[in-house]
Amino acid sequence: TDDVPVSNLGQIKDNWDLSVMRSTEVVRLLVENGVPNTQVIPAGRGEFIPKVAEKTTEARSANRRTEIIISPKLDVLFDLIGQN
């Protein structure tokens, strides 16, 4: 989410809250489409970790994003490394 304070959004308190809600919706869609709920975690960063630091309209747009991070099962990865 960008750094412009939210307004007139009902129960949404701030950009951090909005960020968490966006993330939760993405997780909801993933689970509804077959991804096990034990394999996804929603997280929101609000304005605290921007992708782009500038204060332009384009930068704010770039900061309104959802990132999906795929992490391997480390034990399986280490087993594969150990086999070589």
PDB file of N, CA and C in Angstrom:
ATOM      1  N   THR A   1       0.843  -1.184   0.000  1.00  0.00           N
ATOM      2  CA  THR A   1       0.000   0.000   0.000  1.00  0.00           C
ATOM      3  C   THR A   1       0.880   1.237   0.000  1.00  0.00           C
ATOM      4  N   ASP A   2       0.378   2.290  -0.574  1.00  0.00           N
ATOM      5  CA  ASP A   2       1.165   3.518  -0.627  1.00  0.00           C
ATOM      6  C   ASP A   2       1.114   4.260   0.705  1.00  0.00           C
ATOM      7  N   ASP A   3       1.669   5.465   0.735  1.00  0.00           N
ATOM      8  CA  ASP A   3       1.774   6.219   1.987  1.00  0.00           C
ATOM      9  C   ASP A   3       0.723   7.314   2.140  1.00  0.00           C
ATOM     10  N   VAL A   4      -0.288   7.320   1.286  1.00  0.00           N
ATOM     11  CA  VAL A   4      -1.363   8.306   1.406  1.00  0.00           C
ATOM     12  C   VAL A   4      -2.386   7.768   2.404  1.00  0.00           C
ATOM     13  N   PRO A   5      -2.694   8.512   3.462  1.00  0.00           N
ATOM     14  CA  PRO A   5      -3.653   8.031   4.455  1.00  0.00           C
ATOM     15  C   PRO A   5      -5.001   7.691   3.825  1.00  0.00           C
ATOM     16  N   VAL A   6      -5.587   6.589   4.280  1.00  0.00           N
ATOM     17  CA  VAL A   6      -6.906   6.192   3.788  1.00  0.00           C
ATOM     18  C   VAL A   6      -7.970   7.062   4.441  1.00  0.00           C
ATOM     19  N   SER A   7      -9.082   7.214   3.755  1.00  0.00           N
ATOM     20  CA  SER A   7     -10.190   7.975   4.334  1.00  0.00           C
ATOM     21  C   SER A   7     -11.504   7.437   3.792  1.00  0.00           C
ATOM     22  N   ASN A   8     -12.546   7.578   4.584  1.00  0.00           N
ATOM     23  CA  ASN A   8     -13.895   7.175   4.185  1.00  0.00           C
ATOM     24  C   ASN A   8     -13.981   5.712   3.754  1.00  0.00           C
ATOM     25  N   LEU A   9     -13.295   4.828   4.457  1.00  0.00           N
ATOM     26  CA  LEU A   9     -13.332   3.414   4.111  1.00  0.00           C
ATOM     27  C   LEU A   9     -13.958   2.567   5.218  1.00  0.00           C
ATOM     28  N   GLY A  10     -14.850   3.137   5.976  1.00  0.00           N
ATOM     29  CA  GLY A  10     -15.563   2.371   6.996  1.00  0.00           C
ATOM     30  C   GLY A  10     -14.662   1.893   8.107  1.00  0.00           C
ATOM     31  N   GLN A  11     -14.559   0.577   8.246  1.00  0.00           N
ATOM     32  CA  GLN A  11     -13.816  -0.002   9.364  1.00  0.00           C
ATOM     33  C   GLN A  11     -12.312  -0.091   9.112  1.00  0.00           C
ATOM     34  N   ILE A  12     -11.847   0.263   7.929  1.00  0.00           N
ATOM     35  CA  ILE A  12     -10.415   0.229   7.641  1.00  0.00           C
ATOM     36  C   ILE A  12      -9.752   1.395   8.362  1.00  0.00           C
ATOM     37  N   LYS A  13      -8.795   1.073   9.230  1.00  0.00           N
ATOM     38  CA  LYS A  13      -8.166   2.095  10.074  1.00  0.00           C
ATOM     39  C   LYS A  13      -7.088   2.895   9.351  1.00  0.00           C
ATOM     40  N   ASP A  14      -6.253   2.200   8.572  1.00  0.00           N
ATOM     41  CA  ASP A  14      -5.108   2.859   7.950  1.00  0.00           C
ATOM     42  C   ASP A  14      -4.582   1.995   6.806  1.00  0.00           C
ATOM     43  N   ASN A  15      -3.473   2.415   6.203  1.00  0.00           N
ATOM     44  CA  ASN A  15      -2.896   1.676   5.081  1.00  0.00           C
ATOM     45  C   ASN A  15      -2.437   0.274   5.464  1.00  0.00           C
ATOM     46  N   TRP A  16      -1.979   0.119   6.672  1.00  0.00           N
ATOM     47  CA  TRP A  16      -1.546  -1.199   7.133  1.00  0.00           C
ATOM     48  C   TRP A  16      -2.736  -2.151   7.172  1.00  0.00           C
ATOM     49  N   ASP A  17      -3.841  -1.682   7.720  1.00  0.00           N
ATOM     50  CA  ASP A  17      -5.066  -2.469   7.767  1.00  0.00           C
ATOM     51  C   ASP A  17      -5.513  -2.836   6.350  1.00  0.00           C
ATOM     52  N   LEU A  18      -5.489  -1.877   5.449  1.00  0.00           N
ATOM     53  CA  LEU A  18      -5.870  -2.114   4.061  1.00  0.00           C
ATOM     54  C   LEU A  18      -4.949  -3.148   3.414  1.00  0.00           C
ATOM     55  N   SER A  19      -3.666  -3.063   3.686  1.00  0.00           N
ATOM     56  CA  SER A  19      -2.687  -3.997   3.150  1.00  0.00           C
ATOM     57  C   SER A  19      -2.966  -5.424   3.624  1.00  0.00           C
ATOM     58  N   VAL A  20      -3.264  -5.578   4.896  1.00  0.00           N
ATOM     59  CA  VAL A  20      -3.579  -6.904   5.450  1.00  0.00           C
ATOM     60  C   VAL A  20      -4.852  -7.453   4.815  1.00  0.00           C
ATOM     61  N   MET A  21      -5.838  -6.596   4.619  1.00  0.00           N
ATOM     62  CA  MET A  21      -7.095  -7.045   4.019  1.00  0.00           C
ATOM     63  C   MET A  21      -6.885  -7.493   2.571  1.00  0.00           C
ATOM     64  N   ARG A  22      -6.064  -6.791   1.828  1.00  0.00           N
ATOM     65  CA  ARG A  22      -5.762  -7.201   0.450  1.00  0.00           C
ATOM     66  C   ARG A  22      -5.068  -8.561   0.447  1.00  0.00           C
ATOM     67  N   SER A  23      -4.101  -8.719   1.313  1.00  0.00           N
ATOM     68  CA  SER A  23      -3.362  -9.968   1.406  1.00  0.00           C
ATOM     69  C   SER A  23      -4.286 -11.126   1.790  1.00  0.00           C
ATOM     70  N   THR A  24      -5.174 -10.877   2.719  1.00  0.00           N
ATOM     71  CA  THR A  24      -6.117 -11.905   3.156  1.00  0.00           C
ATOM     72  C   THR A  24      -7.029 -12.328   2.010  1.00  0.00           C
ATOM     73  N   GLU A  25      -7.459 -11.393   1.193  1.00  0.00           N
ATOM     74  CA  GLU A  25      -8.305 -11.725   0.044  1.00  0.00           C
ATOM     75  C   GLU A  25      -7.567 -12.607  -0.954  1.00  0.00           C
ATOM     76  N   VAL A  26      -6.291 -12.339  -1.183  1.00  0.00           N
ATOM     77  CA  VAL A  26      -5.502 -13.170  -2.094  1.00  0.00           C
ATOM     78  C   VAL A  26      -5.388 -14.579  -1.533  1.00  0.00           C
ATOM     79  N   VAL A  27      -5.104 -14.703  -0.247  1.00  0.00           N
ATOM     80  CA  VAL A  27      -5.007 -16.020   0.388  1.00  0.00           C
ATOM     81  C   VAL A  27      -6.345 -16.744   0.295  1.00  0.00           C
ATOM     82  N   ARG A  28      -7.419 -16.036   0.525  1.00  0.00           N
ATOM     83  CA  ARG A  28      -8.760 -16.625   0.423  1.00  0.00           C
ATOM     84  C   ARG A  28      -8.986 -17.219  -0.976  1.00  0.00           C
ATOM     85  N   LEU A  29      -8.630 -16.469  -2.004  1.00  0.00           N
ATOM     86  CA  LEU A  29      -8.782 -16.956  -3.382  1.00  0.00           C
ATOM     87  C   LEU A  29      -7.916 -18.187  -3.643  1.00  0.00           C
ATOM     88  N   LEU A  30      -6.692 -18.170  -3.139  1.00  0.00           N
ATOM     89  CA  LEU A  30      -5.813 -19.325  -3.317  1.00  0.00           C
ATOM     90  C   LEU A  30      -6.404 -20.568  -2.653  1.00  0.00           C
ATOM     91  N   VAL A  31      -6.896 -20.425  -1.442  1.00  0.00           N
ATOM     92  CA  VAL A  31      -7.475 -21.554  -0.707  1.00  0.00           C
ATOM     93  C   VAL A  31      -8.737 -22.051  -1.410  1.00  0.00           C
ATOM     94  N   GLU A  32      -9.576 -21.128  -1.860  1.00  0.00           N
ATOM     95  CA  GLU A  32     -10.795 -21.515  -2.578  1.00  0.00           C
ATOM     96  C   GLU A  32     -10.484 -22.252  -3.874  1.00  0.00           C
ATOM     97  N   ASN A  33      -9.279 -22.076  -4.387  1.00  0.00           N
ATOM     98  CA  ASN A  33      -8.886 -22.735  -5.629  1.00  0.00           C
ATOM     99  C   ASN A  33      -7.921 -23.894  -5.408  1.00  0.00           C
ATOM    100  N   GLY A  34      -7.904 -24.426  -4.187  1.00  0.00           N
ATOM    101  CA  GLY A  34      -7.206 -25.669  -3.938  1.00  0.00           C
ATOM    102  C   GLY A  34      -5.879 -25.619  -3.213  1.00  0.00           C
ATOM    103  N   VAL A  35      -5.354 -24.462  -2.929  1.00  0.00           N
ATOM    104  CA  VAL A  35      -4.099 -24.393  -2.178  1.00  0.00           C
ATOM    105  C   VAL A  35      -4.422 -24.669  -0.707  1.00  0.00           C
ATOM    106  N   PRO A  36      -3.740 -25.635  -0.086  1.00  0.00           N
ATOM    107  CA  PRO A  36      -4.023 -25.925   1.328  1.00  0.00           C
ATOM    108  C   PRO A  36      -3.787 -24.696   2.215  1.00  0.00           C
ATOM    109  N   ASN A  37      -4.732 -24.458   3.118  1.00  0.00           N
ATOM    110  CA  ASN A  37      -4.617 -23.269   3.978  1.00  0.00           C
ATOM    111  C   ASN A  37      -3.417 -23.334   4.912  1.00  0.00           C
ATOM    112  N   THR A  38      -2.837 -24.491   5.073  1.00  0.00           N
ATOM    113  CA  THR A  38      -1.637 -24.619   5.908  1.00  0.00           C
ATOM    114  C   THR A  38      -0.377 -24.170   5.167  1.00  0.00           C
ATOM    115  N   GLN A  39      -0.520 -23.874   3.870  1.00  0.00           N
ATOM    116  CA  GLN A  39       0.647 -23.503   3.072  1.00  0.00           C
ATOM    117  C   GLN A  39       0.666 -22.035   2.664  1.00  0.00           C
ATOM    118  N   VAL A  40      -0.269 -21.260   3.168  1.00  0.00           N
ATOM    119  CA  VAL A  40      -0.312 -19.837   2.814  1.00  0.00           C
ATOM    120  C   VAL A  40      -0.490 -18.987   4.068  1.00  0.00           C
ATOM    121  N   ILE A  41       0.170 -17.852   4.085  1.00  0.00           N
ATOM    122  CA  ILE A  41       0.090 -16.937   5.224  1.00  0.00           C
ATOM    123  C   ILE A  41      -0.073 -15.520   4.685  1.00  0.00           C
ATOM    124  N   PRO A  42      -1.173 -14.856   5.030  1.00  0.00           N
ATOM    125  CA  PRO A  42      -1.307 -13.464   4.601  1.00  0.00           C
ATOM    126  C   PRO A  42      -0.483 -12.543   5.501  1.00  0.00           C
ATOM    127  N   ALA A  43       0.085 -11.514   4.910  1.00  0.00           N
ATOM    128  CA  ALA A  43       0.830 -10.521   5.690  1.00  0.00           C
ATOM    129  C   ALA A  43       0.707  -9.175   4.993  1.00  0.00           C
ATOM    130  N   GLY A  44       0.579  -8.132   5.769  1.00  0.00           N
ATOM    131  CA  GLY A  44       0.495  -6.788   5.212  1.00  0.00           C
ATOM    132  C   GLY A  44       1.635  -5.929   5.729  1.00  0.00           C
ATOM    133  N   ARG A  45       2.161  -5.084   4.881  1.00  0.00           N
ATOM    134  CA  ARG A  45       3.272  -4.213   5.262  1.00  0.00           C
ATOM    135  C   ARG A  45       2.876  -2.742   5.299  1.00  0.00           C
ATOM    136  N   GLY A  46       1.701  -2.428   4.753  1.00  0.00           N
ATOM    137  CA  GLY A  46       1.287  -1.031   4.731  1.00  0.00           C
ATOM    138  C   GLY A  46       2.303  -0.180   4.003  1.00  0.00           C
ATOM    139  N   GLU A  47       2.559   0.989   4.518  1.00  0.00           N
ATOM    140  CA  GLU A  47       3.523   1.893   3.884  1.00  0.00           C
ATOM    141  C   GLU A  47       4.956   1.654   4.359  1.00  0.00           C
ATOM    142  N   PHE A  48       5.183   0.618   5.152  1.00  0.00           N
ATOM    143  CA  PHE A  48       6.466   0.443   5.816  1.00  0.00           C
ATOM    144  C   PHE A  48       7.573  -0.148   4.953  1.00  0.00           C
ATOM    145  N   ILE A  49       7.250  -0.897   3.909  1.00  0.00           N
ATOM    146  CA  ILE A  49       8.278  -1.469   3.038  1.00  0.00           C
ATOM    147  C   ILE A  49       7.875  -1.193   1.585  1.00  0.00           C
ATOM    148  N   PRO A  50       8.042   0.041   1.135  1.00  0.00           N
ATOM    149  CA  PRO A  50       7.644   0.358  -0.236  1.00  0.00           C
ATOM    150  C   PRO A  50       8.590  -0.274  -1.257  1.00  0.00           C
ATOM    151  N   LYS A  51       8.042  -0.619  -2.398  1.00  0.00           N
ATOM    152  CA  LYS A  51       8.863  -1.116  -3.503  1.00  0.00           C
ATOM    153  C   LYS A  51       9.609   0.049  -4.148  1.00  0.00           C
ATOM    154  N   VAL A  52       8.928   1.193  -4.218  1.00  0.00           N
ATOM    155  CA  VAL A  52       9.480   2.405  -4.820  1.00  0.00           C
ATOM    156  C   VAL A  52       9.382   3.523  -3.795  1.00  0.00           C
ATOM    157  N   ALA A  53      10.473   4.240  -3.559  1.00  0.00           N
ATOM    158  CA  ALA A  53      10.505   5.257  -2.503  1.00  0.00           C
ATOM    159  C   ALA A  53       9.947   6.613  -2.932  1.00  0.00           C
ATOM    160  N   GLU A  54       9.915   6.877  -4.225  1.00  0.00           N
ATOM    161  CA  GLU A  54       9.450   8.185  -4.681  1.00  0.00           C
ATOM    162  C   GLU A  54       7.993   8.426  -4.277  1.00  0.00           C
ATOM    163  N   LYS A  55       7.577   9.671  -4.330  1.00  0.00           N
ATOM    164  CA  LYS A  55       6.223  10.047  -3.924  1.00  0.00           C
ATOM    165  C   LYS A  55       5.340  10.396  -5.125  1.00  0.00           C
ATOM    166  N   THR A  56       5.662   9.861  -6.295  1.00  0.00           N
ATOM    167  CA  THR A  56       4.885  10.159  -7.492  1.00  0.00           C
ATOM    168  C   THR A  56       3.655   9.256  -7.569  1.00  0.00           C
ATOM    169  N   THR A  57       2.742   9.600  -8.458  1.00  0.00           N
ATOM    170  CA  THR A  57       1.554   8.770  -8.678  1.00  0.00           C
ATOM    171  C   THR A  57       1.962   7.376  -9.140  1.00  0.00           C
ATOM    172  N   GLU A  58       2.944   7.297 -10.027  1.00  0.00           N
ATOM    173  CA  GLU A  58       3.410   6.007 -10.540  1.00  0.00           C
ATOM    174  C   GLU A  58       4.034   5.165  -9.428  1.00  0.00           C
ATOM    175  N   ALA A  59       4.810   5.801  -8.567  1.00  0.00           N
ATOM    176  CA  ALA A  59       5.442   5.079  -7.457  1.00  0.00           C
ATOM    177  C   ALA A  59       4.390   4.560  -6.489  1.00  0.00           C
ATOM    178  N   ARG A  60       3.420   5.379  -6.176  1.00  0.00           N
ATOM    179  CA  ARG A  60       2.358   4.930  -5.268  1.00  0.00           C
ATOM    180  C   ARG A  60       1.600   3.756  -5.878  1.00  0.00           C
ATOM    181  N   SER A  61       1.362   3.814  -7.169  1.00  0.00           N
ATOM    182  CA  SER A  61       0.686   2.718  -7.853  1.00  0.00           C
ATOM    183  C   SER A  61       1.508   1.433  -7.762  1.00  0.00           C
ATOM    184  N   ALA A  62       2.820   1.541  -7.935  1.00  0.00           N
ATOM    185  CA  ALA A  62       3.701   0.372  -7.838  1.00  0.00           C
ATOM    186  C   ALA A  62       3.703  -0.206  -6.431  1.00  0.00           C
ATOM    187  N   ASN A  63       3.482   0.626  -5.437  1.00  0.00           N
ATOM    188  CA  ASN A  63       3.485   0.163  -4.051  1.00  0.00           C
ATOM    189  C   ASN A  63       2.164  -0.489  -3.649  1.00  0.00           C
ATOM    190  N   ARG A  64       1.136  -0.342  -4.455  1.00  0.00           N
ATOM    191  CA  ARG A  64      -0.138  -1.035  -4.204  1.00  0.00           C
ATOM    192  C   ARG A  64      -0.063  -2.380  -4.914  1.00  0.00           C
ATOM    193  N   ARG A  65       0.499  -3.348  -4.242  1.00  0.00           N
ATOM    194  CA  ARG A  65       0.764  -4.628  -4.878  1.00  0.00           C
ATOM    195  C   ARG A  65       0.585  -5.765  -3.883  1.00  0.00           C
ATOM    196  N   THR A  66       0.498  -6.960  -4.422  1.00  0.00           N
ATOM    197  CA  THR A  66       0.535  -8.169  -3.616  1.00  0.00           C
ATOM    198  C   THR A  66       1.696  -8.997  -4.136  1.00  0.00           C
ATOM    199  N   GLU A  67       2.566  -9.403  -3.250  1.00  0.00           N
ATOM    200  CA  GLU A  67       3.685 -10.259  -3.625  1.00  0.00           C
ATOM    201  C   GLU A  67       3.439 -11.648  -3.069  1.00  0.00           C
ATOM    202  N   ILE A  68       3.688 -12.643  -3.895  1.00  0.00           N
ATOM    203  CA  ILE A  68       3.570 -14.031  -3.458  1.00  0.00           C
ATOM    204  C   ILE A  68       4.982 -14.596  -3.420  1.00  0.00           C
ATOM    205  N   ILE A  69       5.385 -15.049  -2.254  1.00  0.00           N
ATOM    206  CA  ILE A  69       6.730 -15.588  -2.053  1.00  0.00           C
ATOM    207  C   ILE A  69       6.605 -17.097  -1.900  1.00  0.00           C
ATOM    208  N   ILE A  70       7.291 -17.828  -2.747  1.00  0.00           N
ATOM    209  CA  ILE A  70       7.260 -19.290  -2.691  1.00  0.00           C
ATOM    210  C   ILE A  70       8.537 -19.749  -2.003  1.00  0.00           C
ATOM    211  N   SER A  71       8.368 -20.452  -0.893  1.00  0.00           N
ATOM    212  CA  SER A  71       9.509 -20.946  -0.123  1.00  0.00           C
ATOM    213  C   SER A  71       9.551 -22.467  -0.214  1.00  0.00           C
ATOM    214  N   PRO A  72      10.713 -23.028  -0.484  1.00  0.00           N
ATOM    215  CA  PRO A  72      10.809 -24.485  -0.556  1.00  0.00           C
ATOM    216  C   PRO A  72      10.776 -25.100   0.839  1.00  0.00           C
ATOM    217  N   LYS A  73      10.452 -26.386   0.873  1.00  0.00           N
ATOM    218  CA  LYS A  73      10.596 -27.123   2.122  1.00  0.00           C
ATOM    219  C   LYS A  73      12.096 -27.324   2.311  1.00  0.00           C
ATOM    220  N   LEU A  74      12.652 -26.706   3.318  1.00  0.00           N
ATOM    221  CA  LEU A  74      14.106 -26.708   3.476  1.00  0.00           C
ATOM    222  C   LEU A  74      14.685 -28.097   3.680  1.00  0.00           C
ATOM    223  N   ASP A  75      13.967 -28.983   4.381  1.00  0.00           N
ATOM    224  CA  ASP A  75      14.500 -30.326   4.593  1.00  0.00           C
ATOM    225  C   ASP A  75      14.641 -31.071   3.266  1.00  0.00           C
ATOM    226  N   VAL A  76      13.683 -30.905   2.367  1.00  0.00           N
ATOM    227  CA  VAL A  76      13.762 -31.536   1.049  1.00  0.00           C
ATOM    228  C   VAL A  76      14.906 -30.921   0.246  1.00  0.00           C
ATOM    229  N   LEU A  77      15.045 -29.618   0.311  1.00  0.00           N
ATOM    230  CA  LEU A  77      16.122 -28.933  -0.399  1.00  0.00           C
ATOM    231  C   LEU A  77      17.492 -29.411   0.086  1.00  0.00           C
ATOM    232  N   PHE A  78      17.668 -29.507   1.388  1.00  0.00           N
ATOM    233  CA  PHE A  78      18.948 -29.965   1.937  1.00  0.00           C
ATOM    234  C   PHE A  78      19.225 -31.420   1.552  1.00  0.00           C
ATOM    235  N   ASP A  79      18.183 -32.255   1.498  1.00  0.00           N
ATOM    236  CA  ASP A  79      18.362 -33.639   1.059  1.00  0.00           C
ATOM    237  C   ASP A  79      18.846 -33.687  -0.387  1.00  0.00           C
ATOM    238  N   LEU A  80      18.261 -32.843  -1.240  1.00  0.00           N
ATOM    239  CA  LEU A  80      18.676 -32.796  -2.642  1.00  0.00           C
ATOM    240  C   LEU A  80      20.123 -32.334  -2.776  1.00  0.00           C
ATOM    241  N   ILE A  81      20.493 -31.343  -1.999  1.00  0.00           N
ATOM    242  CA  ILE A  81      21.868 -30.841  -2.028  1.00  0.00           C
ATOM    243  C   ILE A  81      22.832 -31.926  -1.559  1.00  0.00           C
ATOM    244  N   GLY A  82      22.441 -32.662  -0.533  1.00  0.00           N
ATOM    245  CA  GLY A  82      23.290 -33.708   0.016  1.00  0.00           C
ATOM    246  C   GLY A  82      23.490 -34.884  -0.922  1.00  0.00           C
ATOM    247  N   GLN A  83      22.584 -35.075  -1.876  1.00  0.00           N
ATOM    248  CA  GLN A  83      22.691 -36.191  -2.818  1.00  0.00           C
ATOM    249  C   GLN A  83      23.726 -35.935  -3.903  1.00  0.00           C
ATOM    250  N   ASN A  84      24.115 -34.697  -4.073  1.00  0.00           N
ATOM    251  CA  ASN A  84      25.065 -34.368  -5.156  1.00  0.00           C
ATOM    252  C   ASN A  84      26.447 -34.308  -4.624  1.00  0.00           C
TER     253      ASN A  84
END
